[in-house]
Amino acid sequence: MGLLSIIRKIKRKEKEMRILMVYTLNIWDVGGQKTIRSYWRNYFEQTDGLVWVVDSSDLRRLDDCKMELDNLLKEERLSGSSLLILANKQDIRGALTPDEIAKVLNLEAMDKSRHWNIVGCSAYTGEGLLEGFDWLVQDIASRIYMLD
């Protein structure tokens, strides 16, 4: 019996079908200090998703942040990976909004084949983190399943 015929039977009986899918996530926190940036390349192979954390309250470092992100996205081994930008420290007064950070980072000019999203968050309160990672996992899954 095929999946479609099973779904049709369930619909006729007006029952709900629940499917649980479990993902295994390997997450590497490689840090952003200048002294260790040269080691980032060791983690590029078979990377499906990239999380870039921006300190929304540190306006002085945004130019450096933009330059490093631009360089990172030139890496061929990261060409297919989904990009989640977490605009952290939204709980701090005077922090730039995600839209303002997107303008500074010039995200609209990014290669159109790149899947990306920017989400405001606070590592302190946890706000926005679930939303961001939910988008990332769903985006990666949509690309992986399209290839199968």
N, C-alpha and C. Protein backbone atom coordinates (compact mmCIF):
# COMPACT_ATOMS: atom_id res chain seq x y z
N MET A 1 0.86 -1.17 0.00
CA MET A 1 0.00 0.00 0.00
C MET A 1 0.90 1.23 0.00
N GLY A 2 0.67 2.15 -0.92
CA GLY A 2 1.48 3.35 -1.03
C GLY A 2 1.13 4.39 0.02
N LEU A 3 2.03 5.34 0.22
CA LEU A 3 1.83 6.40 1.21
C LEU A 3 0.60 7.24 0.88
N LEU A 4 0.39 7.53 -0.41
CA LEU A 4 -0.77 8.35 -0.78
C LEU A 4 -2.08 7.66 -0.45
N SER A 5 -2.16 6.34 -0.68
CA SER A 5 -3.41 5.64 -0.37
C SER A 5 -3.64 5.59 1.15
N ILE A 6 -2.57 5.49 1.91
CA ILE A 6 -2.70 5.52 3.38
C ILE A 6 -3.23 6.87 3.83
N ILE A 7 -2.66 7.93 3.25
CA ILE A 7 -3.10 9.29 3.63
C ILE A 7 -4.56 9.51 3.25
N ARG A 8 -4.97 9.00 2.06
CA ARG A 8 -6.38 9.14 1.64
C ARG A 8 -7.31 8.44 2.63
N LYS A 9 -6.94 7.23 3.07
CA LYS A 9 -7.77 6.50 4.02
C LYS A 9 -7.88 7.26 5.34
N ILE A 10 -6.77 7.81 5.78
CA ILE A 10 -6.78 8.58 7.04
C ILE A 10 -7.67 9.80 6.90
N LYS A 11 -7.58 10.48 5.76
CA LYS A 11 -8.42 11.66 5.54
C LYS A 11 -9.91 11.30 5.56
N ARG A 12 -10.22 10.15 4.94
CA ARG A 12 -11.63 9.72 4.92
C ARG A 12 -12.15 9.47 6.33
N LYS A 13 -11.29 8.97 7.19
CA LYS A 13 -11.69 8.69 8.57
C LYS A 13 -11.54 9.93 9.45
N GLU A 14 -11.05 11.03 8.84
CA GLU A 14 -10.85 12.31 9.54
C GLU A 14 -10.02 12.16 10.80
N LYS A 15 -8.96 11.38 10.66
CA LYS A 15 -8.02 11.23 11.77
C LYS A 15 -6.78 12.04 11.47
N GLU A 16 -6.05 12.34 12.50
CA GLU A 16 -4.83 13.12 12.35
C GLU A 16 -3.63 12.18 12.28
N MET A 17 -2.72 12.48 11.38
CA MET A 17 -1.49 11.71 11.29
C MET A 17 -0.37 12.55 11.88
N ARG A 18 0.41 11.95 12.74
CA ARG A 18 1.55 12.65 13.34
C ARG A 18 2.82 11.94 12.95
N ILE A 19 3.75 12.69 12.42
CA ILE A 19 5.02 12.10 12.01
C ILE A 19 6.13 12.84 12.74
N LEU A 20 6.99 12.09 13.38
CA LEU A 20 8.12 12.67 14.09
C LEU A 20 9.39 12.38 13.30
N MET A 21 10.12 13.44 12.98
CA MET A 21 11.40 13.27 12.29
C MET A 21 12.49 13.75 13.23
N VAL A 22 13.53 12.98 13.35
CA VAL A 22 14.63 13.33 14.26
C VAL A 22 15.88 13.62 13.45
N TYR A 23 16.50 14.73 13.74
CA TYR A 23 17.74 15.13 13.07
C TYR A 23 18.90 15.00 14.03
N THR A 24 20.03 14.65 13.49
CA THR A 24 21.26 14.70 14.27
C THR A 24 22.01 15.94 13.82
N LEU A 25 22.28 16.82 14.75
CA LEU A 25 22.98 18.06 14.42
C LEU A 25 24.38 18.02 15.01
N ASN A 26 25.36 18.24 14.17
CA ASN A 26 26.73 18.43 14.65
C ASN A 26 27.00 19.93 14.61
N ILE A 27 27.19 20.52 15.76
CA ILE A 27 27.39 21.96 15.83
C ILE A 27 28.79 22.24 16.36
N TRP A 28 29.53 23.04 15.62
CA TRP A 28 30.88 23.43 16.02
C TRP A 28 30.90 24.91 16.33
N ASP A 29 31.31 25.28 17.52
CA ASP A 29 31.49 26.69 17.88
C ASP A 29 32.97 27.00 17.67
N VAL A 30 33.27 27.68 16.57
CA VAL A 30 34.68 27.92 16.25
C VAL A 30 35.18 29.28 16.72
N GLY A 31 34.33 30.07 17.34
CA GLY A 31 34.77 31.34 17.92
C GLY A 31 35.12 32.37 16.87
N GLY A 32 35.20 33.62 17.29
CA GLY A 32 35.44 34.69 16.34
C GLY A 32 36.72 35.48 16.55
N GLN A 33 37.52 35.10 17.54
CA GLN A 33 38.74 35.84 17.80
C GLN A 33 39.67 35.79 16.58
N LYS A 34 40.36 36.89 16.33
CA LYS A 34 41.24 36.97 15.16
C LYS A 34 42.29 35.87 15.16
N THR A 35 42.78 35.50 16.32
CA THR A 35 43.87 34.52 16.40
C THR A 35 43.46 33.12 15.94
N ILE A 36 42.16 32.82 15.96
CA ILE A 36 41.74 31.47 15.56
C ILE A 36 40.98 31.43 14.23
N ARG A 37 40.81 32.57 13.59
CA ARG A 37 40.05 32.59 12.32
C ARG A 37 40.71 31.75 11.23
N SER A 38 42.02 31.62 11.27
CA SER A 38 42.70 30.83 10.24
C SER A 38 42.35 29.35 10.35
N TYR A 39 41.84 28.91 11.50
CA TYR A 39 41.47 27.51 11.69
C TYR A 39 40.05 27.19 11.22
N TRP A 40 39.26 28.21 10.88
CA TRP A 40 37.88 27.99 10.46
C TRP A 40 37.80 26.99 9.31
N ARG A 41 38.76 27.07 8.39
CA ARG A 41 38.72 26.22 7.19
C ARG A 41 38.67 24.73 7.51
N ASN A 42 39.16 24.35 8.68
CA ASN A 42 39.15 22.94 9.07
C ASN A 42 37.74 22.38 9.23
N TYR A 43 36.75 23.26 9.33
CA TYR A 43 35.37 22.84 9.60
C TYR A 43 34.45 22.99 8.39
N PHE A 44 34.98 23.44 7.25
CA PHE A 44 34.12 23.76 6.11
C PHE A 44 33.56 22.55 5.37
N GLU A 45 34.25 21.44 5.40
CA GLU A 45 33.85 20.28 4.61
C GLU A 45 32.48 19.76 5.03
N GLN A 46 31.60 19.53 4.06
CA GLN A 46 30.27 18.97 4.28
C GLN A 46 29.44 19.77 5.29
N THR A 47 29.55 21.08 5.21
CA THR A 47 28.77 21.95 6.09
C THR A 47 27.47 22.32 5.40
N ASP A 48 26.35 21.99 6.03
CA ASP A 48 25.03 22.29 5.46
C ASP A 48 24.49 23.63 5.90
N GLY A 49 24.90 24.06 7.08
CA GLY A 49 24.40 25.32 7.63
C GLY A 49 25.48 26.07 8.36
N LEU A 50 25.39 27.38 8.26
CA LEU A 50 26.36 28.26 8.89
C LEU A 50 25.61 29.26 9.76
N VAL A 51 26.01 29.39 11.01
CA VAL A 51 25.41 30.37 11.92
C VAL A 51 26.45 31.45 12.19
N TRP A 52 26.10 32.68 11.85
CA TRP A 52 27.00 33.82 12.03
C TRP A 52 26.38 34.71 13.10
N VAL A 53 27.07 34.90 14.21
CA VAL A 53 26.53 35.68 15.33
C VAL A 53 27.13 37.08 15.30
N VAL A 54 26.24 38.07 15.32
CA VAL A 54 26.65 39.47 15.29
C VAL A 54 26.29 40.11 16.62
N ASP A 55 27.24 40.86 17.19
CA ASP A 55 26.97 41.64 18.39
C ASP A 55 26.27 42.92 17.96
N SER A 56 24.96 42.98 18.12
CA SER A 56 24.16 44.12 17.65
C SER A 56 24.46 45.41 18.38
N SER A 57 25.15 45.32 19.50
CA SER A 57 25.42 46.53 20.30
C SER A 57 26.82 47.08 20.05
N ASP A 58 27.63 46.37 19.27
CA ASP A 58 29.03 46.80 19.04
C ASP A 58 29.17 47.35 17.62
N LEU A 59 28.82 48.63 17.48
CA LEU A 59 28.81 49.26 16.16
C LEU A 59 30.20 49.37 15.56
N ARG A 60 31.23 49.48 16.41
CA ARG A 60 32.60 49.67 15.92
C ARG A 60 33.12 48.45 15.17
N ARG A 61 32.64 47.27 15.51
CA ARG A 61 33.17 46.05 14.90
C ARG A 61 32.36 45.56 13.71
N LEU A 62 31.29 46.27 13.34
CA LEU A 62 30.44 45.78 12.25
C LEU A 62 31.15 45.77 10.90
N ASP A 63 32.05 46.74 10.67
CA ASP A 63 32.80 46.73 9.41
C ASP A 63 33.70 45.50 9.33
N ASP A 64 34.36 45.18 10.43
CA ASP A 64 35.19 43.97 10.50
C ASP A 64 34.33 42.73 10.31
N CYS A 65 33.15 42.73 10.91
CA CYS A 65 32.20 41.63 10.80
C CYS A 65 31.80 41.43 9.34
N LYS A 66 31.50 42.52 8.65
CA LYS A 66 31.11 42.44 7.23
C LYS A 66 32.24 41.87 6.38
N MET A 67 33.45 42.35 6.61
CA MET A 67 34.61 41.89 5.84
C MET A 67 34.83 40.38 6.03
N GLU A 68 34.78 39.92 7.28
CA GLU A 68 35.00 38.50 7.57
C GLU A 68 33.90 37.62 6.98
N LEU A 69 32.66 38.10 7.07
CA LEU A 69 31.54 37.34 6.50
C LEU A 69 31.68 37.25 4.98
N ASP A 70 32.02 38.36 4.35
CA ASP A 70 32.22 38.37 2.89
C ASP A 70 33.30 37.37 2.48
N ASN A 71 34.40 37.35 3.21
CA ASN A 71 35.49 36.41 2.92
C ASN A 71 35.05 34.96 3.12
N LEU A 72 34.31 34.74 4.17
CA LEU A 72 33.84 33.39 4.48
C LEU A 72 32.93 32.85 3.38
N LEU A 73 32.05 33.71 2.88
CA LEU A 73 31.07 33.27 1.89
C LEU A 73 31.68 33.06 0.51
N LYS A 74 32.93 33.45 0.34
CA LYS A 74 33.64 33.17 -0.91
C LYS A 74 34.18 31.74 -0.96
N GLU A 75 34.20 31.09 0.20
CA GLU A 75 34.73 29.73 0.28
C GLU A 75 33.84 28.76 -0.50
N GLU A 76 34.43 28.07 -1.45
CA GLU A 76 33.68 27.16 -2.32
C GLU A 76 32.99 26.04 -1.53
N ARG A 77 33.64 25.55 -0.48
CA ARG A 77 33.08 24.44 0.30
C ARG A 77 31.84 24.84 1.10
N LEU A 78 31.59 26.15 1.20
CA LEU A 78 30.41 26.63 1.91
C LEU A 78 29.33 27.13 0.96
N SER A 79 29.54 26.94 -0.34
CA SER A 79 28.65 27.54 -1.34
C SER A 79 27.20 27.10 -1.22
N GLY A 80 26.94 25.86 -0.83
CA GLY A 80 25.56 25.38 -0.75
C GLY A 80 24.94 25.51 0.62
N SER A 81 25.69 25.99 1.60
CA SER A 81 25.17 25.99 2.97
C SER A 81 24.21 27.14 3.24
N SER A 82 23.20 26.86 4.05
CA SER A 82 22.24 27.88 4.48
C SER A 82 22.93 28.78 5.50
N LEU A 83 22.61 30.06 5.46
CA LEU A 83 23.24 31.03 6.36
C LEU A 83 22.20 31.64 7.30
N LEU A 84 22.39 31.40 8.59
CA LEU A 84 21.57 32.04 9.61
C LEU A 84 22.43 33.08 10.30
N ILE A 85 21.96 34.32 10.28
CA ILE A 85 22.66 35.39 10.99
C ILE A 85 21.85 35.71 12.24
N LEU A 86 22.47 35.52 13.39
CA LEU A 86 21.84 35.84 14.66
C LEU A 86 22.30 37.22 15.10
N ALA A 87 21.37 38.16 15.10
CA ALA A 87 21.65 39.52 15.56
C ALA A 87 21.48 39.52 17.08
N ASN A 88 22.55 39.20 17.78
CA ASN A 88 22.52 38.98 19.22
C ASN A 88 22.48 40.30 20.00
N LYS A 89 22.15 40.18 21.26
CA LYS A 89 22.11 41.28 22.23
C LYS A 89 21.00 42.28 21.93
N GLN A 90 19.88 41.78 21.41
CA GLN A 90 18.72 42.65 21.17
C GLN A 90 18.12 43.16 22.47
N ASP A 91 18.51 42.56 23.60
CA ASP A 91 18.02 42.99 24.91
C ASP A 91 18.74 44.24 25.40
N ILE A 92 19.79 44.67 24.71
CA ILE A 92 20.56 45.85 25.13
C ILE A 92 20.02 47.09 24.45
N ARG A 93 19.79 48.12 25.24
CA ARG A 93 19.29 49.39 24.71
C ARG A 93 20.28 49.98 23.71
N GLY A 94 19.77 50.42 22.58
CA GLY A 94 20.62 51.03 21.56
C GLY A 94 21.19 50.04 20.55
N ALA A 95 20.88 48.76 20.71
CA ALA A 95 21.36 47.75 19.75
C ALA A 95 20.69 47.98 18.40
N LEU A 96 21.42 47.72 17.32
CA LEU A 96 20.84 47.82 15.99
C LEU A 96 19.82 46.72 15.78
N THR A 97 18.79 47.01 15.02
CA THR A 97 17.78 46.00 14.70
C THR A 97 18.33 45.05 13.64
N PRO A 98 17.71 43.88 13.47
CA PRO A 98 18.16 42.98 12.41
C PRO A 98 18.13 43.64 11.03
N ASP A 99 17.12 44.44 10.74
CA ASP A 99 17.05 45.14 9.45
C ASP A 99 18.22 46.10 9.27
N GLU A 100 18.59 46.82 10.33
CA GLU A 100 19.72 47.75 10.25
C GLU A 100 21.03 46.99 10.02
N ILE A 101 21.17 45.85 10.69
CA ILE A 101 22.38 45.04 10.52
C ILE A 101 22.43 44.46 9.11
N ALA A 102 21.28 44.04 8.59
CA ALA A 102 21.22 43.51 7.22
C ALA A 102 21.71 44.56 6.22
N LYS A 103 21.38 45.83 6.47
CA LYS A 103 21.84 46.90 5.57
C LYS A 103 23.34 47.10 5.67
N VAL A 104 23.86 47.12 6.90
CA VAL A 104 25.30 47.30 7.10
C VAL A 104 26.08 46.15 6.45
N LEU A 105 25.57 44.93 6.59
CA LEU A 105 26.24 43.76 6.02
C LEU A 105 25.95 43.60 4.53
N ASN A 106 25.05 44.44 4.01
CA ASN A 106 24.68 44.42 2.59
C ASN A 106 24.20 43.03 2.15
N LEU A 107 23.33 42.45 2.95
CA LEU A 107 22.87 41.09 2.70
C LEU A 107 22.04 40.97 1.42
N GLU A 108 21.36 42.04 1.03
CA GLU A 108 20.54 41.99 -0.19
C GLU A 108 21.39 41.78 -1.44
N ALA A 109 22.67 42.17 -1.36
CA ALA A 109 23.56 42.03 -2.52
C ALA A 109 24.20 40.65 -2.61
N MET A 110 23.88 39.79 -1.64
CA MET A 110 24.47 38.45 -1.61
C MET A 110 24.01 37.65 -2.83
N ASP A 111 24.81 36.69 -3.21
CA ASP A 111 24.48 35.77 -4.30
C ASP A 111 23.06 35.23 -4.09
N LYS A 112 22.23 35.34 -5.11
CA LYS A 112 20.81 34.96 -4.98
C LYS A 112 20.60 33.47 -4.74
N SER A 113 21.61 32.65 -5.01
CA SER A 113 21.46 31.22 -4.76
C SER A 113 21.65 30.88 -3.28
N ARG A 114 22.16 31.83 -2.51
CA ARG A 114 22.40 31.59 -1.08
C ARG A 114 21.10 31.72 -0.30
N HIS A 115 20.75 30.71 0.47
CA HIS A 115 19.61 30.79 1.37
C HIS A 115 20.09 31.44 2.66
N TRP A 116 19.47 32.54 3.06
CA TRP A 116 19.90 33.21 4.29
C TRP A 116 18.70 33.79 5.02
N ASN A 117 18.91 34.03 6.31
CA ASN A 117 17.90 34.67 7.14
C ASN A 117 18.62 35.36 8.28
N ILE A 118 18.09 36.51 8.70
CA ILE A 118 18.65 37.20 9.87
C ILE A 118 17.56 37.28 10.93
N VAL A 119 17.92 36.90 12.14
CA VAL A 119 16.96 36.84 13.24
C VAL A 119 17.54 37.57 14.44
N GLY A 120 16.75 38.47 15.01
CA GLY A 120 17.16 39.14 16.24
C GLY A 120 17.04 38.18 17.40
N CYS A 121 18.02 38.21 18.30
CA CYS A 121 17.98 37.28 19.42
C CYS A 121 18.69 37.86 20.63
N SER A 122 18.58 37.14 21.71
CA SER A 122 19.32 37.46 22.93
C SER A 122 19.78 36.15 23.54
N ALA A 123 21.08 35.95 23.58
CA ALA A 123 21.62 34.76 24.21
C ALA A 123 21.32 34.79 25.71
N TYR A 124 21.12 35.98 26.25
CA TYR A 124 20.85 36.16 27.68
C TYR A 124 19.44 35.68 28.03
N THR A 125 18.43 36.10 27.23
CA THR A 125 17.05 35.72 27.53
C THR A 125 16.60 34.48 26.75
N GLY A 126 17.31 34.15 25.68
CA GLY A 126 16.93 33.02 24.83
C GLY A 126 15.98 33.40 23.71
N GLU A 127 15.49 34.63 23.74
CA GLU A 127 14.53 35.07 22.73
C GLU A 127 15.14 35.00 21.32
N GLY A 128 14.39 34.45 20.38
CA GLY A 128 14.81 34.40 18.98
C GLY A 128 15.66 33.22 18.59
N LEU A 129 16.27 32.54 19.55
CA LEU A 129 17.17 31.43 19.23
C LEU A 129 16.42 30.25 18.60
N LEU A 130 15.29 29.89 19.18
CA LEU A 130 14.50 28.77 18.64
C LEU A 130 14.02 29.10 17.24
N GLU A 131 13.54 30.31 17.05
CA GLU A 131 13.07 30.74 15.73
C GLU A 131 14.18 30.63 14.69
N GLY A 132 15.37 31.09 15.05
CA GLY A 132 16.50 31.05 14.13
C GLY A 132 16.90 29.64 13.76
N PHE A 133 17.07 28.78 14.76
CA PHE A 133 17.51 27.42 14.48
C PHE A 133 16.40 26.60 13.81
N ASP A 134 15.16 26.93 14.09
CA ASP A 134 14.05 26.26 13.41
C ASP A 134 14.12 26.57 11.91
N TRP A 135 14.34 27.84 11.57
CA TRP A 135 14.48 28.21 10.15
C TRP A 135 15.64 27.45 9.52
N LEU A 136 16.77 27.41 10.22
CA LEU A 136 17.97 26.78 9.66
C LEU A 136 17.74 25.30 9.37
N VAL A 137 17.19 24.57 10.33
CA VAL A 137 16.96 23.14 10.14
C VAL A 137 15.95 22.90 9.01
N GLN A 138 14.90 23.71 8.96
CA GLN A 138 13.89 23.53 7.91
C GLN A 138 14.46 23.87 6.54
N ASP A 139 15.29 24.90 6.48
CA ASP A 139 15.87 25.29 5.19
C ASP A 139 16.82 24.21 4.68
N ILE A 140 17.65 23.70 5.56
CA ILE A 140 18.58 22.63 5.17
C ILE A 140 17.79 21.40 4.73
N ALA A 141 16.76 21.04 5.49
CA ALA A 141 15.95 19.86 5.15
C ALA A 141 15.29 20.04 3.79
N SER A 142 14.80 21.23 3.49
CA SER A 142 14.13 21.45 2.20
C SER A 142 15.11 21.27 1.04
N ARG A 143 16.35 21.67 1.23
CA ARG A 143 17.35 21.51 0.18
C ARG A 143 17.78 20.05 0.05
N ILE A 144 17.97 19.38 1.16
CA ILE A 144 18.42 17.98 1.15
C ILE A 144 17.36 17.09 0.51
N TYR A 145 16.10 17.30 0.90
CA TYR A 145 15.03 16.44 0.38
C TYR A 145 14.74 16.74 -1.09
N MET A 146 15.02 17.95 -1.54
CA MET A 146 14.83 18.27 -2.96
C MET A 146 15.85 17.51 -3.80
N LEU A 147 17.02 17.24 -3.23
CA LEU A 147 18.08 16.55 -3.98
C LEU A 147 17.82 15.05 -4.09
N ASP A 148 17.05 14.49 -3.14
CA ASP A 148 16.80 13.03 -3.14
C ASP A 148 15.87 12.61 -4.27
